[in-house]
Amino acid sequence: MAKEHDTNLFKKHIFICKSCKKNDCPMLEDAMALKSELKSYFNEKYGKGVVRVTSSDCLGKCREGIHIVSYPEAKWFKDGTKKSARDLIDYVDSSI
């Protein structure tokens, strides 16, 4: 018998694109730095297990910069910069 999965493991699961179909994408280092900053922020604020921050393979939006998506609501943040990270933080903080 298959094990039942707990679908409520995290209140939010954030995916940050870290893989680009473009071989010379200059944003990948920025994406990993952004992931690290967001992960540290959410772990410090909420503790582990509330907001999960994960790097993702290509999300298919390479031409528009680093993309971030928040689940379970599938809210997208494009052009992953400090400003969009701040928008994401504000969004998560207001919805937990």
PDB file of N, CA and C in Angstrom:
ATOM      1  N   MET A   1       0.842  -1.182   0.000  1.00  0.00           N
ATOM      2  CA  MET A   1       0.000   0.000   0.000  1.00  0.00           C
ATOM      3  C   MET A   1       0.889   1.249   0.000  1.00  0.00           C
ATOM      4  N   ALA A   2       0.543   2.215  -0.821  1.00  0.00           N
ATOM      5  CA  ALA A   2       1.318   3.460  -0.903  1.00  0.00           C
ATOM      6  C   ALA A   2       1.133   4.277   0.366  1.00  0.00           C
ATOM      7  N   LYS A   3       2.206   4.944   0.758  1.00  0.00           N
ATOM      8  CA  LYS A   3       2.154   5.812   1.925  1.00  0.00           C
ATOM      9  C   LYS A   3       1.394   7.085   1.597  1.00  0.00           C
ATOM     10  N   GLU A   4       0.600   7.539   2.537  1.00  0.00           N
ATOM     11  CA  GLU A   4      -0.112   8.797   2.360  1.00  0.00           C
ATOM     12  C   GLU A   4       0.866   9.948   2.583  1.00  0.00           C
ATOM     13  N   HIS A   5       0.803  10.961   1.717  1.00  0.00           N
ATOM     14  CA  HIS A   5       1.695  12.110   1.833  1.00  0.00           C
ATOM     15  C   HIS A   5       1.015  13.238   2.593  1.00  0.00           C
ATOM     16  N   ASP A   6       1.781  13.903   3.442  1.00  0.00           N
ATOM     17  CA  ASP A   6       1.299  15.084   4.134  1.00  0.00           C
ATOM     18  C   ASP A   6       1.472  16.272   3.204  1.00  0.00           C
ATOM     19  N   THR A   7       0.379  16.825   2.717  1.00  0.00           N
ATOM     20  CA  THR A   7       0.461  17.939   1.775  1.00  0.00           C
ATOM     21  C   THR A   7       0.656  19.275   2.474  1.00  0.00           C
ATOM     22  N   ASN A   8       0.680  19.279   3.785  1.00  0.00           N
ATOM     23  CA  ASN A   8       0.851  20.519   4.537  1.00  0.00           C
ATOM     24  C   ASN A   8       2.208  20.581   5.217  1.00  0.00           C
ATOM     25  N   LEU A   9       3.245  20.147   4.524  1.00  0.00           N
ATOM     26  CA  LEU A   9       4.574  20.151   5.121  1.00  0.00           C
ATOM     27  C   LEU A   9       5.062  21.558   5.420  1.00  0.00           C
ATOM     28  N   PHE A  10       4.798  22.496   4.528  1.00  0.00           N
ATOM     29  CA  PHE A  10       5.251  23.875   4.676  1.00  0.00           C
ATOM     30  C   PHE A  10       4.081  24.803   4.396  1.00  0.00           C
ATOM     31  N   LYS A  11       4.098  25.969   5.004  1.00  0.00           N
ATOM     32  CA  LYS A  11       3.067  26.960   4.677  1.00  0.00           C
ATOM     33  C   LYS A  11       3.329  27.558   3.299  1.00  0.00           C
ATOM     34  N   LYS A  12       4.602  27.727   2.962  1.00  0.00           N
ATOM     35  CA  LYS A  12       4.994  28.232   1.645  1.00  0.00           C
ATOM     36  C   LYS A  12       6.185  27.428   1.149  1.00  0.00           C
ATOM     37  N   HIS A  13       6.221  27.214  -0.148  1.00  0.00           N
ATOM     38  CA  HIS A  13       7.380  26.581  -0.779  1.00  0.00           C
ATOM     39  C   HIS A  13       7.784  27.488  -1.933  1.00  0.00           C
ATOM     40  N   ILE A  14       8.971  28.067  -1.817  1.00  0.00           N
ATOM     41  CA  ILE A  14       9.481  29.039  -2.774  1.00  0.00           C
ATOM     42  C   ILE A  14      10.492  28.351  -3.684  1.00  0.00           C
ATOM     43  N   PHE A  15      10.298  28.475  -4.988  1.00  0.00           N
ATOM     44  CA  PHE A  15      11.237  27.929  -5.967  1.00  0.00           C
ATOM     45  C   PHE A  15      11.927  29.083  -6.685  1.00  0.00           C
ATOM     46  N   ILE A  16      13.258  29.021  -6.766  1.00  0.00           N
ATOM     47  CA  ILE A  16      14.048  30.032  -7.458  1.00  0.00           C
ATOM     48  C   ILE A  16      14.785  29.358  -8.600  1.00  0.00           C
ATOM     49  N   CYS A  17      14.586  29.880  -9.807  1.00  0.00           N
ATOM     50  CA  CYS A  17      15.248  29.319 -10.979  1.00  0.00           C
ATOM     51  C   CYS A  17      16.757  29.457 -10.837  1.00  0.00           C
ATOM     52  N   LYS A  18      17.464  28.351 -10.992  1.00  0.00           N
ATOM     53  CA  LYS A  18      18.929  28.372 -10.914  1.00  0.00           C
ATOM     54  C   LYS A  18      19.555  27.717 -12.139  1.00  0.00           C
ATOM     55  N   SER A  19      18.726  27.393 -13.093  1.00  0.00           N
ATOM     56  CA  SER A  19      19.209  26.717 -14.286  1.00  0.00           C
ATOM     57  C   SER A  19      18.585  27.392 -15.490  1.00  0.00           C
ATOM     58  N   CYS A  20      19.410  27.736 -16.418  1.00  0.00           N
ATOM     59  CA  CYS A  20      18.933  28.489 -17.571  1.00  0.00           C
ATOM     60  C   CYS A  20      19.229  27.715 -18.845  1.00  0.00           C
ATOM     61  N   LYS A  21      18.316  27.777 -19.782  1.00  0.00           N
ATOM     62  CA  LYS A  21      18.544  27.125 -21.071  1.00  0.00           C
ATOM     63  C   LYS A  21      19.650  27.821 -21.849  1.00  0.00           C
ATOM     64  N   LYS A  22      19.891  29.081 -21.516  1.00  0.00           N
ATOM     65  CA  LYS A  22      20.993  29.810 -22.141  1.00  0.00           C
ATOM     66  C   LYS A  22      22.285  29.352 -21.478  1.00  0.00           C
ATOM     67  N   ASN A  23      23.255  28.971 -22.255  1.00  0.00           N
ATOM     68  CA  ASN A  23      24.517  28.477 -21.693  1.00  0.00           C
ATOM     69  C   ASN A  23      25.319  29.554 -20.984  1.00  0.00           C
ATOM     70  N   ASP A  24      25.137  30.791 -21.372  1.00  0.00           N
ATOM     71  CA  ASP A  24      25.953  31.862 -20.809  1.00  0.00           C
ATOM     72  C   ASP A  24      25.148  32.806 -19.915  1.00  0.00           C
ATOM     73  N   CYS A  25      24.160  32.290 -19.248  1.00  0.00           N
ATOM     74  CA  CYS A  25      23.284  33.118 -18.421  1.00  0.00           C
ATOM     75  C   CYS A  25      24.073  33.717 -17.248  1.00  0.00           C
ATOM     76  N   PRO A  26      24.208  35.040 -17.191  1.00  0.00           N
ATOM     77  CA  PRO A  26      24.987  35.666 -16.133  1.00  0.00           C
ATOM     78  C   PRO A  26      24.248  35.766 -14.806  1.00  0.00           C
ATOM     79  N   MET A  27      22.988  35.400 -14.783  1.00  0.00           N
ATOM     80  CA  MET A  27      22.177  35.598 -13.587  1.00  0.00           C
ATOM     81  C   MET A  27      22.207  34.424 -12.620  1.00  0.00           C
ATOM     82  N   LEU A  28      22.815  33.314 -12.997  1.00  0.00           N
ATOM     83  CA  LEU A  28      22.753  32.124 -12.164  1.00  0.00           C
ATOM     84  C   LEU A  28      23.417  32.322 -10.805  1.00  0.00           C
ATOM     85  N   GLU A  29      24.556  32.999 -10.770  1.00  0.00           N
ATOM     86  CA  GLU A  29      25.199  33.275  -9.485  1.00  0.00           C
ATOM     87  C   GLU A  29      24.310  34.167  -8.630  1.00  0.00           C
ATOM     88  N   ASP A  30      23.660  35.136  -9.261  1.00  0.00           N
ATOM     89  CA  ASP A  30      22.737  36.005  -8.535  1.00  0.00           C
ATOM     90  C   ASP A  30      21.572  35.203  -7.966  1.00  0.00           C
ATOM     91  N   ALA A  31      21.080  34.240  -8.734  1.00  0.00           N
ATOM     92  CA  ALA A  31      19.964  33.411  -8.279  1.00  0.00           C
ATOM     93  C   ALA A  31      20.350  32.610  -7.043  1.00  0.00           C
ATOM     94  N   MET A  32      21.543  32.048  -7.040  1.00  0.00           N
ATOM     95  CA  MET A  32      21.968  31.249  -5.890  1.00  0.00           C
ATOM     96  C   MET A  32      22.201  32.133  -4.663  1.00  0.00           C
ATOM     97  N   ALA A  33      22.718  33.339  -4.871  1.00  0.00           N
ATOM     98  CA  ALA A  33      22.898  34.277  -3.756  1.00  0.00           C
ATOM     99  C   ALA A  33      21.536  34.693  -3.203  1.00  0.00           C
ATOM    100  N   LEU A  34      20.579  34.937  -4.098  1.00  0.00           N
ATOM    101  CA  LEU A  34      19.228  35.304  -3.691  1.00  0.00           C
ATOM    102  C   LEU A  34      18.583  34.172  -2.905  1.00  0.00           C
ATOM    103  N   LYS A  35      18.751  32.950  -3.365  1.00  0.00           N
ATOM    104  CA  LYS A  35      18.208  31.791  -2.656  1.00  0.00           C
ATOM    105  C   LYS A  35      18.765  31.723  -1.239  1.00  0.00           C
ATOM    106  N   SER A  36      20.058  31.896  -1.111  1.00  0.00           N
ATOM    107  CA  SER A  36      20.702  31.831   0.194  1.00  0.00           C
ATOM    108  C   SER A  36      20.176  32.919   1.134  1.00  0.00           C
ATOM    109  N   GLU A  37      20.035  34.128   0.614  1.00  0.00           N
ATOM    110  CA  GLU A  37      19.524  35.237   1.425  1.00  0.00           C
ATOM    111  C   GLU A  37      18.085  34.991   1.875  1.00  0.00           C
ATOM    112  N   LEU A  38      17.239  34.542   0.943  1.00  0.00           N
ATOM    113  CA  LEU A  38      15.837  34.289   1.286  1.00  0.00           C
ATOM    114  C   LEU A  38      15.708  33.146   2.282  1.00  0.00           C
ATOM    115  N   LYS A  39      16.464  32.096   2.070  1.00  0.00           N
ATOM    116  CA  LYS A  39      16.424  30.943   2.970  1.00  0.00           C
ATOM    117  C   LYS A  39      16.826  31.367   4.385  1.00  0.00           C
ATOM    118  N   SER A  40      17.900  32.130   4.491  1.00  0.00           N
ATOM    119  CA  SER A  40      18.349  32.611   5.803  1.00  0.00           C
ATOM    120  C   SER A  40      17.285  33.479   6.463  1.00  0.00           C
ATOM    121  N   TYR A  41      16.706  34.387   5.690  1.00  0.00           N
ATOM    122  CA  TYR A  41      15.681  35.283   6.234  1.00  0.00           C
ATOM    123  C   TYR A  41      14.494  34.489   6.786  1.00  0.00           C
ATOM    124  N   PHE A  42      13.937  33.586   5.963  1.00  0.00           N
ATOM    125  CA  PHE A  42      12.741  32.863   6.387  1.00  0.00           C
ATOM    126  C   PHE A  42      13.031  31.895   7.532  1.00  0.00           C
ATOM    127  N   ASN A  43      14.182  31.245   7.522  1.00  0.00           N
ATOM    128  CA  ASN A  43      14.526  30.345   8.625  1.00  0.00           C
ATOM    129  C   ASN A  43      14.706  31.112   9.926  1.00  0.00           C
ATOM    130  N   GLU A  44      15.309  32.286   9.840  1.00  0.00           N
ATOM    131  CA  GLU A  44      15.507  33.101  11.036  1.00  0.00           C
ATOM    132  C   GLU A  44      14.178  33.633  11.564  1.00  0.00           C
ATOM    133  N   LYS A  45      13.321  34.065  10.663  1.00  0.00           N
ATOM    134  CA  LYS A  45      12.048  34.664  11.083  1.00  0.00           C
ATOM    135  C   LYS A  45      11.035  33.625  11.566  1.00  0.00           C
ATOM    136  N   TYR A  46      10.916  32.501  10.852  1.00  0.00           N
ATOM    137  CA  TYR A  46       9.864  31.531  11.147  1.00  0.00           C
ATOM    138  C   TYR A  46      10.375  30.208  11.697  1.00  0.00           C
ATOM    139  N   GLY A  47      11.670  29.985  11.659  1.00  0.00           N
ATOM    140  CA  GLY A  47      12.212  28.679  12.028  1.00  0.00           C
ATOM    141  C   GLY A  47      12.127  27.743  10.834  1.00  0.00           C
ATOM    142  N   LYS A  48      12.821  26.639  10.953  1.00  0.00           N
ATOM    143  CA  LYS A  48      12.818  25.674   9.840  1.00  0.00           C
ATOM    144  C   LYS A  48      11.463  24.991   9.743  1.00  0.00           C
ATOM    145  N   GLY A  49      11.076  24.685   8.506  1.00  0.00           N
ATOM    146  CA  GLY A  49       9.865  23.911   8.290  1.00  0.00           C
ATOM    147  C   GLY A  49       8.614  24.712   8.016  1.00  0.00           C
ATOM    148  N   VAL A  50       8.691  26.035   8.028  1.00  0.00           N
ATOM    149  CA  VAL A  50       7.512  26.850   7.745  1.00  0.00           C
ATOM    150  C   VAL A  50       7.532  27.337   6.296  1.00  0.00           C
ATOM    151  N   VAL A  51       8.658  27.930   5.899  1.00  0.00           N
ATOM    152  CA  VAL A  51       8.844  28.382   4.518  1.00  0.00           C
ATOM    153  C   VAL A  51      10.052  27.650   3.966  1.00  0.00           C
ATOM    154  N   ARG A  52       9.842  26.909   2.920  1.00  0.00           N
ATOM    155  CA  ARG A  52      10.948  26.178   2.281  1.00  0.00           C
ATOM    156  C   ARG A  52      11.387  26.948   1.042  1.00  0.00           C
ATOM    157  N   VAL A  53      12.685  27.159   0.909  1.00  0.00           N
ATOM    158  CA  VAL A  53      13.246  27.837  -0.262  1.00  0.00           C
ATOM    159  C   VAL A  53      14.108  26.830  -0.999  1.00  0.00           C
ATOM    160  N   THR A  54      13.769  26.584  -2.254  1.00  0.00           N
ATOM    161  CA  THR A  54      14.417  25.550  -3.049  1.00  0.00           C
ATOM    162  C   THR A  54      14.856  26.122  -4.390  1.00  0.00           C
ATOM    163  N   SER A  55      16.021  25.697  -4.851  1.00  0.00           N
ATOM    164  CA  SER A  55      16.412  26.066  -6.212  1.00  0.00           C
ATOM    165  C   SER A  55      15.728  25.102  -7.172  1.00  0.00           C
ATOM    166  N   SER A  56      15.453  25.600  -8.355  1.00  0.00           N
ATOM    167  CA  SER A  56      14.714  24.830  -9.345  1.00  0.00           C
ATOM    168  C   SER A  56      15.470  24.828 -10.662  1.00  0.00           C
ATOM    169  N   ASP A  57      15.253  23.807 -11.448  1.00  0.00           N
ATOM    170  CA  ASP A  57      15.738  23.855 -12.820  1.00  0.00           C
ATOM    171  C   ASP A  57      14.935  24.924 -13.552  1.00  0.00           C
ATOM    172  N   CYS A  58      15.217  25.103 -14.804  1.00  0.00           N
ATOM    173  CA  CYS A  58      14.633  26.184 -15.594  1.00  0.00           C
ATOM    174  C   CYS A  58      13.106  26.237 -15.456  1.00  0.00           C
ATOM    175  N   LEU A  59      12.605  27.430 -15.175  1.00  0.00           N
ATOM    176  CA  LEU A  59      11.166  27.649 -15.071  1.00  0.00           C
ATOM    177  C   LEU A  59      10.575  28.166 -16.384  1.00  0.00           C
ATOM    178  N   GLY A  60      11.411  28.236 -17.425  1.00  0.00           N
ATOM    179  CA  GLY A  60      10.934  28.576 -18.758  1.00  0.00           C
ATOM    180  C   GLY A  60      10.751  30.058 -19.043  1.00  0.00           C
ATOM    181  N   LYS A  61      11.301  30.912 -18.217  1.00  0.00           N
ATOM    182  CA  LYS A  61      11.140  32.358 -18.400  1.00  0.00           C
ATOM    183  C   LYS A  61      12.493  33.056 -18.513  1.00  0.00           C
ATOM    184  N   CYS A  62      13.469  32.391 -19.096  1.00  0.00           N
ATOM    185  CA  CYS A  62      14.859  32.876 -19.145  1.00  0.00           C
ATOM    186  C   CYS A  62      14.995  34.298 -19.667  1.00  0.00           C
ATOM    187  N   ARG A  63      14.245  34.642 -20.673  1.00  0.00           N
ATOM    188  CA  ARG A  63      14.392  35.963 -21.282  1.00  0.00           C
ATOM    189  C   ARG A  63      14.001  37.099 -20.347  1.00  0.00           C
ATOM    190  N   GLU A  64      13.276  36.778 -19.291  1.00  0.00           N
ATOM    191  CA  GLU A  64      12.779  37.809 -18.377  1.00  0.00           C
ATOM    192  C   GLU A  64      13.567  37.871 -17.073  1.00  0.00           C
ATOM    193  N   GLY A  65      14.685  37.194 -16.987  1.00  0.00           N
ATOM    194  CA  GLY A  65      15.493  37.230 -15.769  1.00  0.00           C
ATOM    195  C   GLY A  65      15.143  36.104 -14.808  1.00  0.00           C
ATOM    196  N   ILE A  66      15.718  36.182 -13.633  1.00  0.00           N
ATOM    197  CA  ILE A  66      15.503  35.165 -12.601  1.00  0.00           C
ATOM    198  C   ILE A  66      14.031  35.184 -12.193  1.00  0.00           C
ATOM    199  N   HIS A  67      13.424  34.010 -12.127  1.00  0.00           N
ATOM    200  CA  HIS A  67      12.035  33.919 -11.695  1.00  0.00           C
ATOM    201  C   HIS A  67      11.933  33.164 -10.379  1.00  0.00           C
ATOM    202  N   ILE A  68      10.945  33.573  -9.597  1.00  0.00           N
ATOM    203  CA  ILE A  68      10.662  32.958  -8.306  1.00  0.00           C
ATOM    204  C   ILE A  68       9.174  32.642  -8.308  1.00  0.00           C
ATOM    205  N   VAL A  69       8.810  31.474  -7.801  1.00  0.00           N
ATOM    206  CA  VAL A  69       7.392  31.134  -7.701  1.00  0.00           C
ATOM    207  C   VAL A  69       7.121  30.606  -6.295  1.00  0.00           C
ATOM    208  N   SER A  70       6.008  31.063  -5.732  1.00  0.00           N
ATOM    209  CA  SER A  70       5.610  30.681  -4.379  1.00  0.00           C
ATOM    210  C   SER A  70       4.396  29.762  -4.451  1.00  0.00           C
ATOM    211  N   TYR A  71       4.504  28.630  -3.810  1.00  0.00           N
ATOM    212  CA  TYR A  71       3.387  27.686  -3.722  1.00  0.00           C
ATOM    213  C   TYR A  71       2.939  27.592  -2.278  1.00  0.00           C
ATOM    214  N   PRO A  72       1.659  27.303  -2.031  1.00  0.00           N
ATOM    215  CA  PRO A  72       0.749  26.579  -2.910  1.00  0.00           C
ATOM    216  C   PRO A  72      -0.045  27.450  -3.879  1.00  0.00           C
ATOM    217  N   GLU A  73       0.063  28.746  -3.802  1.00  0.00           N
ATOM    218  CA  GLU A  73      -0.802  29.599  -4.615  1.00  0.00           C
ATOM    219  C   GLU A  73      -0.273  29.890  -6.014  1.00  0.00           C
ATOM    220  N   ALA A  74       0.932  29.461  -6.342  1.00  0.00           N
ATOM    221  CA  ALA A  74       1.547  29.660  -7.659  1.00  0.00           C
ATOM    222  C   ALA A  74       1.654  31.140  -8.025  1.00  0.00           C
ATOM    223  N   LYS A  75       2.129  31.940  -7.084  1.00  0.00           N
ATOM    224  CA  LYS A  75       2.355  33.369  -7.325  1.00  0.00           C
ATOM    225  C   LYS A  75       3.776  33.551  -7.835  1.00  0.00           C
ATOM    226  N   TRP A  76       3.886  34.209  -8.997  1.00  0.00           N
ATOM    227  CA  TRP A  76       5.178  34.393  -9.661  1.00  0.00           C
ATOM    228  C   TRP A  76       5.751  35.775  -9.383  1.00  0.00           C
ATOM    229  N   PHE A  77       7.073  35.810  -9.234  1.00  0.00           N
ATOM    230  CA  PHE A  77       7.829  37.054  -9.098  1.00  0.00           C
ATOM    231  C   PHE A  77       8.909  37.001 -10.166  1.00  0.00           C
ATOM    232  N   LYS A  78       8.949  38.016 -11.029  1.00  0.00           N
ATOM    233  CA  LYS A  78       9.929  37.963 -12.110  1.00  0.00           C
ATOM    234  C   LYS A  78      11.070  38.932 -11.857  1.00  0.00           C
ATOM    235  N   ASP A  79      12.112  38.752 -12.650  1.00  0.00           N
ATOM    236  CA  ASP A  79      13.301  39.589 -12.558  1.00  0.00           C
ATOM    237  C   ASP A  79      13.832  39.587 -11.129  1.00  0.00           C
ATOM    238  N   GLY A  80      14.261  38.421 -10.662  1.00  0.00           N
ATOM    239  CA  GLY A  80      14.709  38.221  -9.287  1.00  0.00           C
ATOM    240  C   GLY A  80      15.832  39.142  -8.867  1.00  0.00           C
ATOM    241  N   THR A  81      15.452  40.269  -8.339  1.00  0.00           N
ATOM    242  CA  THR A  81      16.396  41.265  -7.855  1.00  0.00           C
ATOM    243  C   THR A  81      16.104  41.514  -6.386  1.00  0.00           C
ATOM    244  N   LYS A  82      16.860  42.399  -5.777  1.00  0.00           N
ATOM    245  CA  LYS A  82      16.593  42.749  -4.376  1.00  0.00           C
ATOM    246  C   LYS A  82      15.168  43.274  -4.218  1.00  0.00           C
ATOM    247  N   LYS A  83      14.673  44.045  -5.209  1.00  0.00           N
ATOM    248  CA  LYS A  83      13.320  44.584  -5.099  1.00  0.00           C
ATOM    249  C   LYS A  83      12.277  43.477  -5.165  1.00  0.00           C
ATOM    250  N   SER A  84      12.416  42.567  -6.116  1.00  0.00           N
ATOM    251  CA  SER A  84      11.427  41.494  -6.200  1.00  0.00           C
ATOM    252  C   SER A  84      11.547  40.568  -4.998  1.00  0.00           C
ATOM    253  N   ALA A  85      12.758  40.413  -4.459  1.00  0.00           N
ATOM    254  CA  ALA A  85      12.921  39.617  -3.236  1.00  0.00           C
ATOM    255  C   ALA A  85      12.185  40.293  -2.087  1.00  0.00           C
ATOM    256  N   ARG A  86      12.269  41.611  -2.009  1.00  0.00           N
ATOM    257  CA  ARG A  86      11.552  42.358  -0.965  1.00  0.00           C
ATOM    258  C   ARG A  86      10.052  42.185  -1.157  1.00  0.00           C
ATOM    259  N   ASP A  87       9.583  42.233  -2.414  1.00  0.00           N
ATOM    260  CA  ASP A  87       8.160  42.012  -2.697  1.00  0.00           C
ATOM    261  C   ASP A  87       7.743  40.616  -2.244  1.00  0.00           C
ATOM    262  N   LEU A  88       8.580  39.625  -2.507  1.00  0.00           N
ATOM    263  CA  LEU A  88       8.295  38.252  -2.091  1.00  0.00           C
ATOM    264  C   LEU A  88       8.247  38.153  -0.569  1.00  0.00           C
ATOM    265  N   ILE A  89       9.225  38.737   0.104  1.00  0.00           N
ATOM    266  CA  ILE A  89       9.254  38.713   1.573  1.00  0.00           C
ATOM    267  C   ILE A  89       7.990  39.357   2.133  1.00  0.00           C
ATOM    268  N   ASP A  90       7.627  40.521   1.610  1.00  0.00           N
ATOM    269  CA  ASP A  90       6.409  41.198   2.070  1.00  0.00           C
ATOM    270  C   ASP A  90       5.181  40.331   1.831  1.00  0.00           C
ATOM    271  N   TYR A  91       5.129  39.687   0.671  1.00  0.00           N
ATOM    272  CA  TYR A  91       4.000  38.814   0.334  1.00  0.00           C
ATOM    273  C   TYR A  91       3.909  37.639   1.312  1.00  0.00           C
ATOM    274  N   VAL A  92       5.027  36.959   1.528  1.00  0.00           N
ATOM    275  CA  VAL A  92       5.028  35.801   2.429  1.00  0.00           C
ATOM    276  C   VAL A  92       4.698  36.239   3.851  1.00  0.00           C
ATOM    277  N   ASP A  93       5.340  37.304   4.317  1.00  0.00           N
ATOM    278  CA  ASP A  93       5.086  37.780   5.678  1.00  0.00           C
ATOM    279  C   ASP A  93       3.622  38.145   5.893  1.00  0.00           C
ATOM    280  N   SER A  94       2.973  38.676   4.876  1.00  0.00           N
ATOM    281  CA  SER A  94       1.568  39.070   5.024  1.00  0.00           C
ATOM    282  C   SER A  94       0.600  37.898   4.885  1.00  0.00           C
ATOM    283  N   SER A  95       1.097  36.761   4.417  1.00  0.00           N
ATOM    284  CA  SER A  95       0.174  35.640   4.169  1.00  0.00           C
ATOM    285  C   SER A  95       0.406  34.441   5.089  1.00  0.00           C
ATOM    286  N   ILE A  96       1.297  34.585   6.052  1.00  0.00           N
ATOM    287  CA  ILE A  96       1.516  33.483   7.018  1.00  0.00           C
ATOM    288  C   ILE A  96       0.888  33.863   8.337  1.00  0.00           C
TER     289      ILE A  96
END
